[in-house]
Amino acid sequence: ATTRRAFASVPHVPLFIGGQKVMSKTTQWVDVKNPATQEVVSRCPLATESEFNAAVEAAKAAYPEWRAQSVSTRMRVMLRFQHLIRENMEALAKSITTEQGKTLEDARGDVFRGLEVVEHACSAPTLLMSEYMPSVSRNMDTYSLREPLGVVAGICPFNFPAMIPRERSCCSMDATRGAWIRER
């Protein structure tokens, strides 16, 4: 009974499906412990198969609208994301320290490297330009178009929780791919 009461006060991390926070119906949870104290600071769900499928379907459903957005509109989303990271850098670093045991200085570096990835993603208009080369041969021109593939997934290692997921998601989103991220 004591354990059950203790877990009731620990935050359960929701899934994020279709732009909404969703509490999982799973019976399997992973305890996130502060490595310094072994205190359980949160619990993360092992999503059910139906929750997983719902996330994939939500990403597929959102894709056509996101793809239709101009590159400059997608860039503004990244600029807003950049602003949010800057506003919350210290809180993000403290969260990494609490959940993973990194020193605060190392956690700040991870958040900063993630911010740099977002800053890079803000240059999407030039990164996504197509190429054209006239007269590469007689009566022949070449061109390349950067076209979206669709929804992509990324499985990220746990040891760089701010940087690696940004690498997987931000540039994919700029290039009109929906991103589905899972941390290991």
Protein backbone atom coordinates (compact mmCIF):
# COMPACT_ATOMS: atom_id res chain seq x y z
CA ALA A 1 0.00 0.00 0.00
CA THR A 2 2.87 2.38 0.78
CA THR A 3 4.45 1.76 -2.61
CA ARG A 4 1.13 2.31 -4.37
CA ARG A 5 0.58 5.63 -2.55
CA ALA A 6 4.15 6.72 -3.35
CA PHE A 7 3.64 5.99 -7.06
CA ALA A 8 0.33 7.85 -7.07
CA SER A 9 2.19 11.07 -6.24
CA VAL A 10 4.81 10.51 -8.97
CA PRO A 11 3.99 12.23 -12.29
CA HIS A 12 2.99 9.84 -15.06
CA VAL A 13 4.30 11.12 -18.39
CA PRO A 14 1.55 11.30 -21.01
CA LEU A 15 1.87 10.24 -24.61
CA PHE A 16 1.57 12.99 -27.21
CA ILE A 17 -0.72 11.82 -29.99
CA GLY A 18 -2.40 14.00 -32.58
CA GLY A 19 -1.35 17.20 -30.82
CA GLN A 20 -2.92 16.08 -27.53
CA LYS A 21 -1.55 14.75 -24.27
CA VAL A 22 -2.99 11.27 -23.78
CA MET A 23 -2.69 9.22 -20.60
CA SER A 24 -1.69 5.71 -21.57
CA LYS A 25 -3.89 2.75 -20.78
CA THR A 26 -0.84 0.53 -20.45
CA THR A 27 -0.17 -1.68 -17.47
CA GLN A 28 3.60 -1.39 -18.05
CA TRP A 29 5.45 1.70 -16.85
CA VAL A 30 9.14 2.54 -16.65
CA ASP A 31 10.29 4.31 -13.51
CA VAL A 32 12.53 7.31 -14.19
CA LYS A 33 14.88 7.55 -11.22
CA ASN A 34 17.17 10.32 -10.12
CA PRO A 35 20.53 8.48 -10.27
CA ALA A 36 21.88 10.48 -7.33
CA THR A 37 19.05 9.61 -4.93
CA GLN A 38 17.27 6.64 -6.59
CA GLU A 39 14.03 8.58 -6.08
CA VAL A 40 11.40 7.85 -8.73
CA VAL A 41 10.79 11.25 -10.33
CA SER A 42 8.32 10.17 -13.02
CA ARG A 43 6.89 7.12 -14.77
CA CYS A 44 6.87 6.67 -18.55
CA PRO A 45 4.41 4.37 -20.30
CA LEU A 46 5.30 1.50 -22.55
CA ALA A 47 2.65 2.38 -25.12
CA THR A 48 0.12 -0.24 -26.04
CA GLU A 49 -0.07 -1.47 -29.61
CA SER A 50 -3.27 0.52 -30.16
CA GLU A 51 -1.62 3.70 -28.77
CA PHE A 52 1.37 3.15 -31.03
CA ASN A 53 -0.91 2.67 -34.03
CA ALA A 54 -2.90 5.78 -33.05
CA ALA A 55 0.33 7.82 -33.00
CA VAL A 56 1.34 6.55 -36.44
CA GLU A 57 -2.14 7.24 -37.86
CA ALA A 58 -2.21 10.73 -36.32
CA ALA A 59 1.17 11.51 -37.91
CA LYS A 60 -0.07 10.24 -41.28
CA ALA A 61 -3.26 12.30 -40.97
CA ALA A 62 -1.35 15.48 -40.07
CA TYR A 63 1.17 15.03 -42.86
CA PRO A 64 -0.81 16.43 -45.84
CA GLU A 65 -1.57 19.69 -44.04
CA TRP A 66 2.03 20.06 -42.80
CA ARG A 67 3.38 19.29 -46.28
CA ALA A 68 1.16 22.02 -47.73
CA GLN A 69 2.78 24.65 -45.49
CA SER A 70 5.37 26.88 -47.11
CA VAL A 71 9.03 26.50 -46.18
CA SER A 72 8.90 29.93 -44.52
CA THR A 73 5.93 28.85 -42.38
CA ARG A 74 7.79 25.72 -41.25
CA MET A 75 10.84 27.87 -40.54
CA ARG A 76 8.75 30.14 -38.30
CA VAL A 77 7.72 27.06 -36.30
CA MET A 78 11.42 26.27 -35.80
CA LEU A 79 12.10 29.90 -34.82
CA ARG A 80 9.35 29.65 -32.18
CA PHE A 81 10.82 26.35 -30.97
CA GLN A 82 14.25 28.01 -30.78
CA HIS A 83 12.75 30.80 -28.66
CA LEU A 84 11.08 28.29 -26.29
CA ILE A 85 14.35 26.41 -25.79
CA ARG A 86 16.20 29.66 -25.04
CA GLU A 87 13.50 30.69 -22.52
CA ASN A 88 13.67 27.32 -20.76
CA MET A 89 17.33 26.30 -21.04
CA GLU A 90 17.98 26.15 -17.31
CA ALA A 91 14.81 24.17 -16.56
CA LEU A 92 15.61 21.74 -19.37
CA ALA A 93 19.17 21.28 -18.07
CA LYS A 94 17.93 20.69 -14.52
CA SER A 95 15.47 18.09 -15.81
CA ILE A 96 18.28 16.23 -17.58
CA THR A 97 20.38 16.34 -14.42
CA THR A 98 17.50 15.00 -12.32
CA GLU A 99 16.50 12.26 -14.74
CA GLN A 100 19.91 11.17 -16.04
CA GLY A 101 22.51 12.21 -13.52
CA LYS A 102 24.54 14.41 -15.85
CA THR A 103 26.30 17.26 -14.18
CA LEU A 104 24.40 20.49 -14.59
CA GLU A 105 27.17 21.89 -16.78
CA ASP A 106 27.08 18.83 -19.08
CA ALA A 107 23.27 19.02 -19.23
CA ARG A 108 23.47 22.70 -20.18
CA GLY A 109 25.85 21.72 -22.98
CA ASP A 110 23.42 19.08 -24.24
CA VAL A 111 20.57 21.62 -24.28
CA PHE A 112 22.81 24.12 -26.06
CA ARG A 113 23.81 21.57 -28.71
CA GLY A 114 20.12 20.80 -29.22
CA LEU A 115 19.50 24.52 -29.63
CA GLU A 116 22.23 24.67 -32.27
CA VAL A 117 20.44 21.94 -34.23
CA VAL A 118 17.22 23.97 -34.11
CA GLU A 119 19.14 27.06 -35.24
CA HIS A 120 20.46 25.06 -38.17
CA ALA A 121 16.91 23.93 -38.99
CA CYS A 122 15.92 27.60 -39.17
CA SER A 123 18.02 27.86 -42.34
CA ALA A 124 15.61 25.52 -44.12
CA PRO A 125 14.79 27.82 -47.05
CA THR A 126 18.35 27.58 -48.36
CA LEU A 127 18.88 23.95 -47.32
CA LEU A 128 15.79 22.80 -49.22
CA MET A 129 16.52 24.60 -52.47
CA SER A 130 16.39 22.50 -55.60
CA GLU A 131 19.27 22.46 -58.06
CA TYR A 132 19.29 23.12 -61.77
CA MET A 133 22.19 22.83 -64.16
CA PRO A 134 21.61 23.73 -67.80
CA SER A 135 23.57 22.18 -70.66
CA VAL A 136 25.38 19.42 -68.79
CA SER A 137 25.50 17.76 -72.16
CA ARG A 138 24.19 18.58 -75.60
CA ASN A 139 20.43 19.20 -75.31
CA MET A 140 20.45 18.01 -71.72
CA ASP A 141 19.76 19.84 -68.49
CA THR A 142 19.73 18.29 -65.04
CA TYR A 143 17.77 19.20 -61.99
CA SER A 144 17.06 17.85 -58.56
CA LEU A 145 14.02 18.41 -56.41
CA ARG A 146 13.86 17.84 -52.71
CA GLU A 147 10.56 16.15 -52.10
CA PRO A 148 9.19 14.78 -48.85
CA LEU A 149 9.13 11.07 -48.15
CA GLY A 150 6.35 11.11 -45.60
CA VAL A 151 6.29 10.33 -41.90
CA VAL A 152 9.58 9.13 -40.45
CA ALA A 153 10.50 7.62 -37.08
CA GLY A 154 13.61 8.06 -35.00
CA ILE A 155 14.89 5.98 -32.10
CA CYS A 156 17.31 8.03 -30.05
CA PRO A 157 19.85 7.01 -27.41
CA PHE A 158 19.17 8.17 -23.88
CA ASN A 159 22.53 9.82 -23.23
CA PHE A 160 21.91 13.03 -25.22
CA PRO A 161 18.22 13.70 -24.58
CA ALA A 162 18.20 17.29 -25.86
CA MET A 163 20.51 17.11 -28.86
CA ILE A 164 19.86 13.80 -30.64
CA PRO A 165 16.03 14.03 -30.77
CA ARG A 166 16.43 17.53 -32.25
CA GLU A 167 18.74 16.13 -34.93
CA ARG A 168 16.12 13.52 -35.80
CA SER A 169 13.06 15.72 -35.70
CA CYS A 170 13.79 19.34 -36.64
CA CYS A 171 15.33 18.85 -40.05
CA SER A 172 12.73 16.19 -40.87
CA MET A 173 9.95 18.57 -39.98
CA ASP A 174 11.52 21.35 -42.04
CA ALA A 175 11.62 19.00 -45.00
CA THR A 176 7.86 18.38 -44.56
CA ARG A 177 8.20 14.99 -42.96
CA GLY A 178 6.25 14.28 -39.82
CA ALA A 179 8.49 12.96 -37.08
CA TRP A 180 7.79 10.26 -34.53
CA ILE A 181 10.46 10.08 -31.82
CA ARG A 182 11.13 7.44 -29.20
CA GLU A 183 13.97 7.64 -26.72
CA ARG A 184 15.70 4.44 -25.67
